Amino acid sequence: MKLQLIACSLAAVTAGIAADVAPPTGEAASKKLEVQATLYNDKAAIRNLIGQDLGDGIIVVQVRVTPKADEPMKIWREDFFLRSDKDGQKSEPYEPSQIAGASVITLTRGQEGAPVMVQDQGPVWGGVGGAPRRLPGQGGGFGNATIGVERTDTQVGENSSEEQKKLLALLNEKVLPEGEISEPVTGLLYFPMEGKHKVKQLELHYRGEAAKLDLRFVKKNK
C-alpha cells in the first residue's frame, strides 16, 4: 500500500513538472521571411499535440511562417530539413501519406493539365501500437502529366484500415500548407529521425526562395 502511494505521489510530481515546461522553441528571420518553430521530440508531447500516437522514429515541428515583404512568396515543405549534431542525420519532412500507411494514392495538381495520380509503393515499416510508416519508394503514375506542380493531395486506397484513414485525415489537416502565401501560415512538419535526440542536438534549416535560415531550439518554462 505504501509503495502504491509513493508511486502515485511520484507520478503526480512528474506530471506537475511536465506541465510547467513548455515545448522548446526557436526562431530566425531575414528581410523577407520569419520562421518560428516549436519542437515535439517525445511520444507523449506528440500525442498531446496531434491526438494520436505516431510511434517511434518521428519528430514533429510546428512551424509558423510569416512573410515580411510586400509581394507574395511561395513555400514548400521540402524547403525545410532537420539535422542532428548527435550523428549527423539530416531529414526532410515526410508527407502525411508516408506516415499513415499502405495503399495511399497521391494526387498531384499542377498549373496545367489534369491531376497525376501516383500510388506510393515504398516499403512500410512500423506496426500495431504506432502508425505503420512507408519509406519512400518508386510509385507508379497514371493520368496526364502536369507542368509546374502547385500542391499535392493524398487519399487512402480501398485496402487501408479505418484507423489509417483517420490518421491520414488528421495529419493532412495539421500539416504545414504549401504554395503561395501573403499572410502568416502555421502547420506541422513530420521528420523521420532514428534514435533519441536531445533538444540541444537538433537544428531546423530553411532553404527557400526567400531566405536561408537556421534555428536552434531553446527550452522555456511556462
Protein backbone atom coordinates (compact mmCIF):
# COMPACT_ATOMS: atom_id res chain seq x y z
CA MET A 1 0.00 0.00 0.00
CA LYS A 2 2.81 2.37 0.92
CA LEU A 3 4.61 1.57 -2.33
CA GLN A 4 1.45 2.39 -4.29
CA LEU A 5 1.10 5.73 -2.50
CA ILE A 6 4.75 6.56 -3.20
CA ALA A 7 4.32 5.66 -6.87
CA CYS A 8 1.19 7.82 -7.17
CA SER A 9 2.96 10.73 -5.50
CA LEU A 10 5.94 10.46 -7.86
CA ALA A 11 3.62 10.33 -10.87
CA ALA A 12 1.79 13.44 -9.68
CA VAL A 13 5.07 15.31 -9.13
CA THR A 14 6.35 14.27 -12.57
CA ALA A 15 3.10 15.38 -14.23
CA GLY A 16 3.28 18.71 -12.44
CA ILE A 17 6.85 19.30 -13.57
CA ALA A 18 5.97 18.36 -17.17
CA ALA A 19 3.01 20.76 -17.12
CA ASP A 20 5.33 23.62 -16.15
CA VAL A 21 7.76 23.00 -19.02
CA ALA A 22 6.80 24.42 -22.40
CA PRO A 23 7.96 22.73 -25.63
CA PRO A 24 11.32 24.03 -26.91
CA THR A 25 11.06 26.87 -29.42
CA GLY A 26 13.28 28.72 -31.85
CA GLU A 27 13.06 31.46 -34.44
CA ALA A 28 15.03 33.02 -37.26
CA ALA A 29 14.33 35.80 -39.74
CA SER A 30 15.53 37.58 -42.84
CA LYS A 31 14.28 40.75 -44.50
CA LYS A 32 11.66 38.75 -46.39
CA LEU A 33 10.66 35.96 -44.03
CA GLU A 34 10.34 34.97 -40.38
CA VAL A 35 10.18 31.36 -39.17
CA GLN A 36 9.06 30.40 -35.66
CA ALA A 37 9.24 26.74 -34.69
CA THR A 38 8.20 24.55 -31.74
CA LEU A 39 9.80 21.14 -31.23
CA TYR A 40 7.96 17.97 -30.16
CA ASN A 41 10.54 15.21 -29.85
CA ASP A 42 8.94 12.72 -27.49
CA LYS A 43 5.92 10.45 -27.92
CA ALA A 44 3.84 11.97 -25.11
CA ALA A 45 4.24 15.53 -26.42
CA ILE A 46 3.37 14.42 -29.97
CA ARG A 47 0.31 12.54 -28.74
CA ASN A 48 -0.89 15.61 -26.83
CA LEU A 49 -0.34 17.80 -29.90
CA ILE A 50 -1.91 15.59 -32.56
CA GLY A 51 -4.29 13.47 -30.53
CA GLN A 52 -2.78 10.18 -31.69
CA ASP A 53 0.45 8.26 -31.16
CA LEU A 54 2.76 8.23 -34.18
CA GLY A 55 5.07 5.59 -32.73
CA ASP A 56 8.87 5.72 -32.71
CA GLY A 57 11.08 7.47 -35.22
CA ILE A 58 9.06 10.65 -35.83
CA ILE A 59 9.91 14.17 -34.60
CA VAL A 60 7.22 16.81 -35.11
CA VAL A 61 7.96 20.51 -35.56
CA GLN A 62 5.20 23.10 -35.55
CA VAL A 63 6.17 25.93 -37.87
CA ARG A 64 4.79 29.43 -38.31
CA VAL A 65 5.98 31.17 -41.47
CA THR A 66 5.45 34.92 -41.73
CA PRO A 67 6.21 36.79 -44.99
CA LYS A 68 7.66 40.24 -44.33
CA ALA A 69 7.91 41.55 -47.91
CA ASP A 70 5.09 43.26 -49.79
CA GLU A 71 4.88 40.70 -52.60
CA PRO A 72 3.57 37.13 -52.11
CA MET A 73 6.07 34.29 -51.83
CA LYS A 74 5.99 30.52 -52.19
CA ILE A 75 6.87 28.00 -49.51
CA TRP A 76 7.21 24.24 -49.77
CA ARG A 77 7.56 21.66 -47.05
CA GLU A 78 10.70 20.36 -48.74
CA ASP A 79 12.28 23.78 -48.08
CA PHE A 80 12.82 22.55 -44.50
CA PHE A 81 15.10 19.87 -43.10
CA LEU A 82 16.06 18.79 -39.59
CA ARG A 83 19.65 17.96 -38.67
CA SER A 84 21.08 16.31 -35.55
CA ASP A 85 24.54 17.02 -34.12
CA LYS A 86 24.40 13.62 -32.42
CA ASP A 87 25.09 11.53 -35.51
CA GLY A 88 24.81 13.88 -38.48
CA GLN A 89 21.35 12.70 -39.54
CA LYS A 90 19.63 15.07 -41.95
CA SER A 91 15.92 14.55 -42.51
CA GLU A 92 13.42 16.04 -44.92
CA PRO A 93 9.77 16.05 -43.76
CA TYR A 94 7.52 13.12 -44.53
CA GLU A 95 4.26 13.66 -46.35
CA PRO A 96 1.22 12.50 -44.32
CA SER A 97 0.84 9.56 -46.72
CA GLN A 98 4.27 8.26 -45.73
CA ILE A 99 3.16 8.03 -42.09
CA ALA A 100 -0.45 6.88 -42.48
CA GLY A 101 0.41 3.51 -44.04
CA ALA A 102 -0.11 1.43 -47.12
CA SER A 103 -2.43 1.83 -50.10
CA VAL A 104 -2.12 5.60 -50.27
CA ILE A 105 -2.81 7.42 -53.52
CA THR A 106 -1.18 10.79 -54.15
CA LEU A 107 -2.98 13.35 -56.32
CA THR A 108 -0.54 15.90 -57.71
CA ARG A 109 -2.20 19.00 -59.08
CA GLY A 110 -0.32 21.26 -61.47
CA GLN A 111 -0.73 24.61 -63.13
CA GLU A 112 -1.56 22.95 -66.42
CA GLY A 113 -3.15 19.62 -67.27
CA ALA A 114 -5.16 17.08 -65.29
CA PRO A 115 -4.07 15.59 -61.95
CA VAL A 116 -1.46 12.86 -61.96
CA MET A 117 -2.26 10.05 -59.52
CA VAL A 118 0.69 8.19 -58.03
CA GLN A 119 0.40 5.21 -55.70
CA ASP A 120 3.23 5.08 -53.18
CA GLN A 121 4.75 1.60 -53.31
CA GLY A 122 7.67 2.03 -50.95
CA PRO A 123 8.08 -0.46 -48.08
CA VAL A 124 6.03 0.01 -44.94
CA TRP A 125 7.74 -0.15 -41.54
CA GLY A 126 6.26 0.06 -38.08
CA GLY A 127 3.25 -1.79 -36.79
CA VAL A 128 0.37 -2.00 -34.36
CA GLY A 129 0.74 0.34 -31.41
CA GLY A 130 2.03 3.11 -33.64
CA ALA A 131 1.37 4.15 -37.21
CA PRO A 132 2.80 1.93 -39.96
CA ARG A 133 5.15 4.11 -41.96
CA ARG A 134 6.07 3.90 -45.61
CA LEU A 135 9.62 4.55 -46.68
CA PRO A 136 9.98 6.46 -49.95
CA GLY A 137 9.74 4.11 -52.90
CA GLN A 138 9.07 4.02 -56.61
CA GLY A 139 5.47 4.92 -57.26
CA GLY A 140 3.54 4.26 -60.40
CA GLY A 141 1.89 7.22 -62.09
CA PHE A 142 -1.11 7.45 -64.34
CA GLY A 143 -3.04 10.33 -65.87
CA ASN A 144 -1.85 13.34 -67.84
CA ALA A 145 1.48 14.96 -67.00
CA THR A 146 1.45 18.40 -65.38
CA ILE A 147 3.73 21.40 -65.62
CA GLY A 148 4.57 23.42 -62.52
CA VAL A 149 3.34 21.43 -59.51
CA GLU A 150 1.31 23.60 -57.15
CA ARG A 151 0.23 21.19 -54.41
CA THR A 152 -0.19 17.52 -53.53
CA ASP A 153 -3.26 15.88 -52.04
CA THR A 154 -3.28 12.39 -50.54
CA GLN A 155 -6.04 9.83 -50.27
CA VAL A 156 -6.08 6.34 -48.83
CA GLY A 157 -6.82 3.36 -51.05
CA GLU A 158 -9.62 0.87 -50.60
CA ASN A 159 -7.40 -1.59 -48.69
CA SER A 160 -6.48 0.87 -45.93
CA SER A 161 -7.92 0.39 -42.46
CA GLU A 162 -10.29 2.87 -40.86
CA GLU A 163 -7.54 3.75 -38.38
CA GLN A 164 -5.17 4.61 -41.23
CA LYS A 165 -7.82 6.71 -42.94
CA LYS A 166 -8.49 8.67 -39.75
CA LEU A 167 -4.78 9.20 -39.15
CA LEU A 168 -4.19 10.39 -42.71
CA ALA A 169 -7.08 12.85 -42.48
CA LEU A 170 -5.72 14.14 -39.17
CA LEU A 171 -2.17 14.57 -40.47
CA ASN A 172 -3.39 16.26 -43.66
CA GLU A 173 -5.46 18.68 -41.57
CA LYS A 174 -2.49 19.68 -39.42
CA VAL A 175 0.38 19.64 -41.93
CA LEU A 176 2.04 22.92 -42.97
CA PRO A 177 0.22 24.23 -46.07
CA GLU A 178 2.38 24.98 -49.08
CA GLY A 179 2.18 27.19 -52.13
CA GLU A 180 1.92 30.96 -52.47
CA ILE A 181 1.36 32.92 -49.25
CA SER A 182 0.91 36.59 -48.41
CA GLU A 183 -0.07 36.13 -44.75
CA PRO A 184 1.32 34.01 -41.88
CA VAL A 185 0.66 30.26 -42.08
CA THR A 186 1.09 27.63 -39.37
CA GLY A 187 1.29 23.86 -39.58
CA LEU A 188 3.21 20.72 -38.68
CA LEU A 189 6.22 19.07 -40.26
CA TYR A 190 6.82 15.35 -39.65
CA PHE A 191 10.51 14.41 -39.67
CA PRO A 192 11.70 10.77 -39.65
CA MET A 193 14.69 10.52 -37.31
CA GLU A 194 16.26 7.33 -35.96
CA GLY A 195 17.17 7.15 -32.28
CA LYS A 196 16.69 9.65 -29.48
CA HIS A 197 17.98 13.19 -29.83
CA LYS A 198 18.33 15.91 -27.22
CA VAL A 199 16.88 19.35 -27.84
CA LYS A 200 20.33 20.94 -28.00
CA GLN A 201 21.37 18.49 -30.73
CA LEU A 202 18.60 19.43 -33.19
CA GLU A 203 18.70 22.28 -35.69
CA LEU A 204 16.00 23.26 -38.18
CA HIS A 205 17.10 24.62 -41.55
CA TYR A 206 15.07 26.52 -44.15
CA ARG A 207 16.33 26.78 -47.72
CA GLY A 208 13.59 28.53 -49.68
CA GLU A 209 13.37 31.19 -52.33
CA ALA A 210 13.09 33.99 -49.76
CA ALA A 211 15.91 33.12 -47.38
CA LYS A 212 18.37 30.66 -45.91
CA LEU A 213 17.63 30.33 -42.20
CA ASP A 214 18.97 28.14 -39.40
CA LEU A 215 17.47 27.93 -35.93
CA ARG A 216 18.15 26.14 -32.68
CA PHE A 217 15.55 25.18 -30.09
CA VAL A 218 15.56 26.51 -26.52
CA LYS A 219 13.67 25.12 -23.54
CA LYS A 220 11.50 27.61 -21.70
CA ASN A 221 9.32 27.35 -18.60
CA LYS A 222 5.67 28.30 -18.90
